Amino acid sequence: MSTTTITVAQPRTALASRIRDYVELTKPRIAVLELVVVLTAAVVATWGQPDPLAVFHALVGTLLVAASASAANQWIERQRDARMTRTADRPLPSGRLVASEALAFAAITLVLGALYLGCFVNFACLGWALATWLVYVAAYTPLKTATPANTAVGAIAGALPVLIGWTATGVALDQRALALTMVLFLWQFPHFMAIAWLYRHQYARAGYQMLTVVDPSGRRAGWQAVLSALALIPVSIVPVLDNPGLGSVLFMVLAGLLGLGQVGLAGAFWQDPPETRAGLFPRAAVVYLPTLLAMLMLVPWL
């Protein structure tokens, strides 16, 4: 390899590495989930006939606002992230990016996302996107060091993208929108409780007041997981009650089976919460929510 090739390759490698770090600031898995929720809400709101252009604009704007929220969250938590093994390699605690870069990225993506939604979608959609940002960054993030109730506040932020997608269509909010929002809200508790149990020692070291830190027995976390999993079953069928047909029947059966699976895992976790059982929840969540949302989007065509 020539000296010229080495000289060219190094800047390209450095640039690619920085791009990856900025992408990591956005918490891409969370961002993708939010986009799926926005899309699902738009499809459900219009009975399977959303305006593709409106949905596209909503997805772009939501992605920018979500990227800002995640970057702002990591900027605020950068010192605590350095105390946890699971987050110590993030761009800020590892030193690959400096705090000012993350803050500038968060500010720029927030402004761009807000302008985009306001110009190309509507102000209701913009309002819910900003509300999601505020709940996640200004409420949930600081509350993590103050009270175990932070999980409920974080679940609100995780559920609000339903309303972003719904209002992007111009359809008025109804019981279907509220039920879908509650599905997203309730689904997060078993998932969060399991993660909080798996990493309870790291959370304690970082100073986070998770429920599994203030109650090391795991019983209260188990109770929350069981109750939310039980509530999910009736709530999850509400979005299809006004749409009688084969698709709705199939969806209700599937939602019931998925819900019972969640209850079973939550019950096992509550009875005896070793790491092996708690570790099932994150994997089960990958099955539950995407399957439920995909089936919900298919209902109008079945």
Protein backbone atom coordinates (compact mmCIF):
# COMPACT_ATOMS: atom_id res chain seq x y z
CA MET A 1 0.00 0.00 0.00
CA SER A 2 1.36 3.42 -0.98
CA THR A 3 1.83 6.37 1.38
CA THR A 4 -0.87 8.27 -0.53
CA THR A 5 -3.37 5.46 0.00
CA ILE A 6 -2.65 5.42 3.73
CA THR A 7 -3.01 9.21 3.94
CA VAL A 8 -6.39 9.13 2.19
CA ALA A 9 -7.69 6.13 4.10
CA GLN A 10 -7.04 7.60 7.54
CA PRO A 11 -9.25 10.72 7.12
CA ARG A 12 -12.00 8.57 5.61
CA THR A 13 -11.82 6.19 8.55
CA ALA A 14 -11.88 9.10 11.01
CA LEU A 15 -14.88 10.65 9.26
CA ALA A 16 -16.78 7.36 9.26
CA SER A 17 -16.03 6.92 12.96
CA ARG A 18 -17.37 10.39 13.79
CA ILE A 19 -20.51 9.77 11.76
CA ARG A 20 -21.07 6.54 13.70
CA ASP A 21 -20.66 8.42 16.96
CA TYR A 22 -23.25 11.01 15.98
CA VAL A 23 -25.61 8.22 14.91
CA GLU A 24 -25.08 6.58 18.29
CA LEU A 25 -26.08 9.87 19.93
CA THR A 26 -29.52 9.43 18.37
CA LYS A 27 -30.09 6.03 20.04
CA PRO A 28 -31.06 4.54 16.65
CA ARG A 29 -33.04 1.57 18.01
CA ILE A 30 -35.30 3.90 20.00
CA ALA A 31 -35.60 6.23 17.01
CA VAL A 32 -36.64 3.37 14.72
CA LEU A 33 -39.26 2.24 17.22
CA GLU A 34 -40.68 5.77 17.40
CA LEU A 35 -40.92 5.91 13.61
CA VAL A 36 -42.75 2.57 13.53
CA VAL A 37 -45.19 3.90 16.14
CA VAL A 38 -45.77 7.11 14.16
CA LEU A 39 -46.42 5.09 10.99
CA THR A 40 -48.78 2.70 12.77
CA ALA A 41 -50.75 5.55 14.30
CA ALA A 42 -51.15 7.22 10.90
CA VAL A 43 -52.37 3.97 9.32
CA VAL A 44 -54.83 3.21 12.14
CA ALA A 45 -56.15 6.79 12.21
CA THR A 46 -57.08 6.66 8.51
CA TRP A 47 -58.28 3.04 8.44
CA GLY A 48 -55.32 2.07 6.29
CA GLN A 49 -55.41 5.02 3.88
CA PRO A 50 -52.94 7.67 5.10
CA ASP A 51 -51.55 10.35 2.82
CA PRO A 52 -48.07 8.97 1.98
CA LEU A 53 -46.52 12.42 1.68
CA ALA A 54 -47.90 13.57 5.03
CA VAL A 55 -46.61 10.39 6.69
CA PHE A 56 -43.19 10.84 5.08
CA HIS A 57 -42.90 14.40 6.37
CA ALA A 58 -44.06 13.31 9.84
CA LEU A 59 -41.41 10.58 9.90
CA VAL A 60 -38.61 12.94 8.85
CA GLY A 61 -39.56 15.58 11.41
CA THR A 62 -40.04 13.01 14.15
CA LEU A 63 -36.65 11.48 13.43
CA LEU A 64 -34.97 14.87 13.84
CA VAL A 65 -36.77 15.68 17.10
CA ALA A 66 -36.13 12.17 18.47
CA ALA A 67 -32.45 12.47 17.58
CA SER A 68 -32.30 15.74 19.48
CA ALA A 69 -33.99 14.26 22.55
CA SER A 70 -31.59 11.32 22.71
CA ALA A 71 -28.55 13.54 22.23
CA ALA A 72 -29.75 15.95 24.94
CA ASN A 73 -30.38 13.00 27.26
CA GLN A 74 -26.83 11.72 26.75
CA TRP A 75 -25.41 15.21 27.20
CA ILE A 76 -27.15 15.56 30.58
CA GLU A 77 -26.22 12.06 31.72
CA ARG A 78 -22.67 11.92 30.36
CA GLN A 79 -20.96 11.79 33.77
CA ARG A 80 -23.34 9.17 35.17
CA ASP A 81 -23.06 7.14 31.96
CA ALA A 82 -19.32 6.89 32.63
CA ARG A 83 -20.07 5.01 35.88
CA MET A 84 -22.09 2.27 34.19
CA THR A 85 -20.55 -0.52 32.16
CA ARG A 86 -23.54 -0.64 29.79
CA THR A 87 -23.16 3.05 28.85
CA ALA A 88 -19.48 3.83 29.45
CA ASP A 89 -18.62 3.31 25.78
CA ARG A 90 -21.12 5.87 24.52
CA PRO A 91 -19.55 8.75 22.53
CA LEU A 92 -19.53 11.28 25.40
CA PRO A 93 -18.29 9.25 28.40
CA SER A 94 -15.71 7.56 26.18
CA GLY A 95 -14.42 10.93 24.98
CA ARG A 96 -15.01 10.31 21.28
CA LEU A 97 -17.24 13.39 21.23
CA VAL A 98 -17.06 16.40 23.52
CA ALA A 99 -20.04 17.84 25.36
CA SER A 100 -20.30 20.95 23.17
CA GLU A 101 -20.60 18.81 20.04
CA ALA A 102 -23.48 16.81 21.50
CA LEU A 103 -25.23 19.94 22.74
CA ALA A 104 -24.90 21.63 19.34
CA PHE A 105 -26.20 18.51 17.62
CA ALA A 106 -29.20 18.37 19.96
CA ALA A 107 -30.02 22.04 19.39
CA ILE A 108 -29.67 21.91 15.61
CA THR A 109 -31.73 18.75 15.16
CA LEU A 110 -34.46 20.10 17.47
CA VAL A 111 -34.75 23.37 15.52
CA LEU A 112 -34.67 21.58 12.16
CA GLY A 113 -37.23 19.01 13.29
CA ALA A 114 -39.57 21.65 14.69
CA LEU A 115 -39.35 23.80 11.57
CA TYR A 116 -39.86 20.78 9.34
CA LEU A 117 -42.99 19.59 11.15
CA GLY A 118 -44.40 23.10 11.34
CA CYS A 119 -43.82 23.77 7.64
CA PHE A 120 -44.63 20.41 6.08
CA VAL A 121 -47.11 18.73 8.46
CA ASN A 122 -49.20 20.77 10.92
CA PHE A 123 -48.94 22.52 14.27
CA ALA A 124 -50.77 19.80 16.19
CA CYS A 125 -48.15 17.27 15.10
CA LEU A 126 -45.41 19.75 15.98
CA GLY A 127 -46.94 20.32 19.40
CA TRP A 128 -46.98 16.63 20.28
CA ALA A 129 -43.40 16.22 19.03
CA LEU A 130 -42.23 19.08 21.25
CA ALA A 131 -44.23 17.68 24.17
CA THR A 132 -42.46 14.34 23.71
CA TRP A 133 -39.08 16.09 23.70
CA LEU A 134 -39.90 18.07 26.84
CA VAL A 135 -41.21 15.09 28.80
CA TYR A 136 -38.18 12.98 27.88
CA VAL A 137 -35.46 15.59 28.33
CA ALA A 138 -36.83 18.06 30.89
CA ALA A 139 -38.84 15.66 33.08
CA TYR A 140 -37.80 12.01 32.72
CA THR A 141 -34.04 12.56 32.54
CA PRO A 142 -33.66 14.63 35.75
CA LEU A 143 -36.22 12.53 37.61
CA LYS A 144 -34.08 9.41 37.17
CA THR A 145 -31.89 10.60 40.04
CA ALA A 146 -34.81 11.77 42.20
CA THR A 147 -37.61 9.19 42.28
CA PRO A 148 -38.56 5.70 41.04
CA ALA A 149 -41.58 7.38 39.41
CA ASN A 150 -39.21 8.35 36.60
CA THR A 151 -40.20 5.13 34.81
CA ALA A 152 -43.82 6.24 34.51
CA VAL A 153 -42.74 9.63 33.17
CA GLY A 154 -40.43 7.95 30.68
CA ALA A 155 -43.29 5.71 29.59
CA ILE A 156 -45.36 8.82 28.82
CA ALA A 157 -42.60 10.08 26.54
CA GLY A 158 -42.46 6.67 24.88
CA ALA A 159 -46.21 6.68 24.23
CA LEU A 160 -46.64 10.21 22.85
CA PRO A 161 -45.32 9.37 19.34
CA VAL A 162 -48.74 7.76 18.79
CA LEU A 163 -50.23 11.25 18.91
CA ILE A 164 -47.54 12.62 16.60
CA GLY A 165 -48.50 10.13 13.91
CA TRP A 166 -52.22 10.44 14.54
CA THR A 167 -52.37 14.24 14.31
CA ALA A 168 -50.13 14.21 11.23
CA THR A 169 -53.11 12.78 9.33
CA GLY A 170 -55.48 15.54 10.42
CA VAL A 171 -57.85 12.99 11.97
CA ALA A 172 -59.33 13.99 15.32
CA LEU A 173 -58.19 12.06 18.38
CA ASP A 174 -60.64 9.39 19.49
CA GLN A 175 -60.78 6.30 21.70
CA ARG A 176 -58.59 4.38 19.24
CA ALA A 177 -55.84 6.98 19.56
CA LEU A 178 -56.05 6.98 23.35
CA ALA A 179 -56.08 3.17 23.51
CA LEU A 180 -53.04 2.89 21.24
CA THR A 181 -51.27 5.47 23.39
CA MET A 182 -52.08 3.40 26.48
CA VAL A 183 -50.74 0.26 24.78
CA LEU A 184 -47.40 1.98 24.26
CA PHE A 185 -47.47 3.33 27.81
CA LEU A 186 -48.25 0.00 29.50
CA TRP A 187 -45.95 -2.09 27.29
CA GLN A 188 -42.91 -0.25 28.59
CA PHE A 189 -43.28 -1.25 32.24
CA PRO A 190 -42.47 -4.98 32.01
CA HIS A 191 -39.62 -4.12 29.66
CA PHE A 192 -38.23 -1.30 31.84
CA MET A 193 -38.61 -3.27 35.08
CA ALA A 194 -36.61 -6.16 33.64
CA ILE A 195 -33.83 -3.88 32.42
CA ALA A 196 -33.80 -2.06 35.75
CA TRP A 197 -33.41 -5.41 37.52
CA LEU A 198 -30.66 -6.66 35.22
CA TYR A 199 -28.61 -3.49 35.69
CA ARG A 200 -29.69 -2.56 39.22
CA HIS A 201 -26.13 -2.53 40.60
CA GLN A 202 -24.94 -0.26 37.80
CA TYR A 203 -27.92 2.06 38.26
CA ALA A 204 -27.17 2.25 41.99
CA ARG A 205 -23.51 3.05 41.30
CA ALA A 206 -24.56 5.86 38.94
CA GLY A 207 -27.04 7.30 41.46
CA TYR A 208 -30.24 6.49 39.58
CA GLN A 209 -33.32 5.95 41.75
CA MET A 210 -34.81 3.06 39.81
CA LEU A 211 -37.43 0.92 41.54
CA THR A 212 -35.03 -2.01 41.69
CA VAL A 213 -32.50 0.20 43.48
CA VAL A 214 -34.85 1.45 46.19
CA ASP A 215 -36.38 -2.04 46.51
CA PRO A 216 -33.54 -4.53 45.91
CA SER A 217 -35.88 -7.50 46.45
CA GLY A 218 -37.42 -6.91 43.01
CA ARG A 219 -40.93 -7.53 44.35
CA ARG A 220 -42.30 -4.07 43.61
CA ALA A 221 -40.80 -4.15 40.14
CA GLY A 222 -42.40 -7.54 39.62
CA TRP A 223 -45.79 -6.24 40.71
CA GLN A 224 -45.57 -3.34 38.27
CA ALA A 225 -44.66 -5.73 35.47
CA VAL A 226 -47.60 -8.04 36.26
CA LEU A 227 -50.21 -5.28 36.60
CA SER A 228 -49.17 -3.51 33.41
CA ALA A 229 -49.07 -6.79 31.47
CA LEU A 230 -52.59 -7.62 32.68
CA ALA A 231 -53.89 -4.16 31.73
CA LEU A 232 -52.39 -4.51 28.27
CA ILE A 233 -54.77 -7.31 27.27
CA PRO A 234 -58.09 -5.40 27.34
CA VAL A 235 -56.53 -2.09 26.24
CA SER A 236 -54.83 -3.63 23.19
CA ILE A 237 -58.12 -4.70 21.57
CA VAL A 238 -59.85 -1.30 21.82
CA PRO A 239 -58.37 0.12 18.57
CA VAL A 240 -60.27 -2.48 16.48
CA LEU A 241 -63.63 -2.51 18.28
CA ASP A 242 -65.14 -0.04 15.79
CA ASN A 243 -63.98 -2.08 12.81
CA PRO A 244 -65.85 -5.41 12.91
CA GLY A 245 -64.57 -8.07 10.57
CA LEU A 246 -62.20 -10.98 10.20
CA GLY A 247 -59.12 -8.78 10.56
CA SER A 248 -60.34 -7.41 13.88
CA VAL A 249 -61.17 -10.88 15.20
CA LEU A 250 -57.75 -12.21 14.21
CA PHE A 251 -56.10 -9.18 15.79
CA MET A 252 -57.97 -9.62 19.08
CA VAL A 253 -56.98 -13.30 19.26
CA LEU A 254 -53.35 -12.47 18.53
CA ALA A 255 -53.32 -9.55 20.96
CA GLY A 256 -54.79 -11.80 23.65
CA LEU A 257 -52.19 -14.51 23.09
CA LEU A 258 -49.33 -12.03 23.08
CA GLY A 259 -50.74 -10.42 26.21
CA LEU A 260 -50.99 -13.73 28.02
CA GLY A 261 -47.38 -14.40 27.13
CA GLN A 262 -46.41 -11.08 28.69
CA VAL A 263 -48.41 -11.88 31.82
CA GLY A 264 -46.74 -15.28 32.11
CA LEU A 265 -43.27 -13.77 31.91
CA ALA A 266 -44.22 -11.01 34.35
CA GLY A 267 -45.60 -13.56 36.81
CA ALA A 268 -42.42 -15.63 36.63
CA PHE A 269 -40.35 -12.49 37.18
CA TRP A 270 -42.47 -11.47 40.19
CA GLN A 271 -42.27 -14.91 41.82
CA ASP A 272 -38.53 -15.30 41.37
CA PRO A 273 -36.55 -12.56 39.63
CA PRO A 274 -33.16 -14.05 38.71
CA GLU A 275 -31.25 -12.56 35.78
CA THR A 276 -32.19 -15.46 33.51
CA ARG A 277 -35.92 -14.73 33.80
CA ALA A 278 -35.58 -10.95 33.74
CA GLY A 279 -33.49 -11.31 30.60
CA LEU A 280 -36.47 -12.81 28.78
CA PHE A 281 -38.41 -9.53 28.85
CA PRO A 282 -36.22 -7.51 26.45
CA ARG A 283 -36.32 -10.40 23.97
CA ALA A 284 -40.07 -10.84 24.44
CA ALA A 285 -40.57 -7.12 23.84
CA VAL A 286 -38.97 -7.51 20.42
CA VAL A 287 -41.70 -10.02 19.64
CA TYR A 288 -44.69 -8.39 21.33
CA LEU A 289 -44.78 -4.78 20.14
CA PRO A 290 -43.62 -5.11 16.51
CA THR A 291 -45.98 -8.07 16.01
CA LEU A 292 -48.90 -6.22 17.56
CA LEU A 293 -48.29 -3.05 15.54
CA ALA A 294 -47.77 -4.93 12.28
CA MET A 295 -51.00 -6.87 12.75
CA LEU A 296 -52.85 -3.68 13.65
CA MET A 297 -51.75 -2.06 10.40
CA LEU A 298 -52.97 -5.10 8.46
CA VAL A 299 -56.46 -5.14 10.00
CA PRO A 300 -58.09 -2.87 7.34
CA TRP A 301 -56.99 -5.23 4.56
CA LEU A 302 -58.07 -8.50 6.21
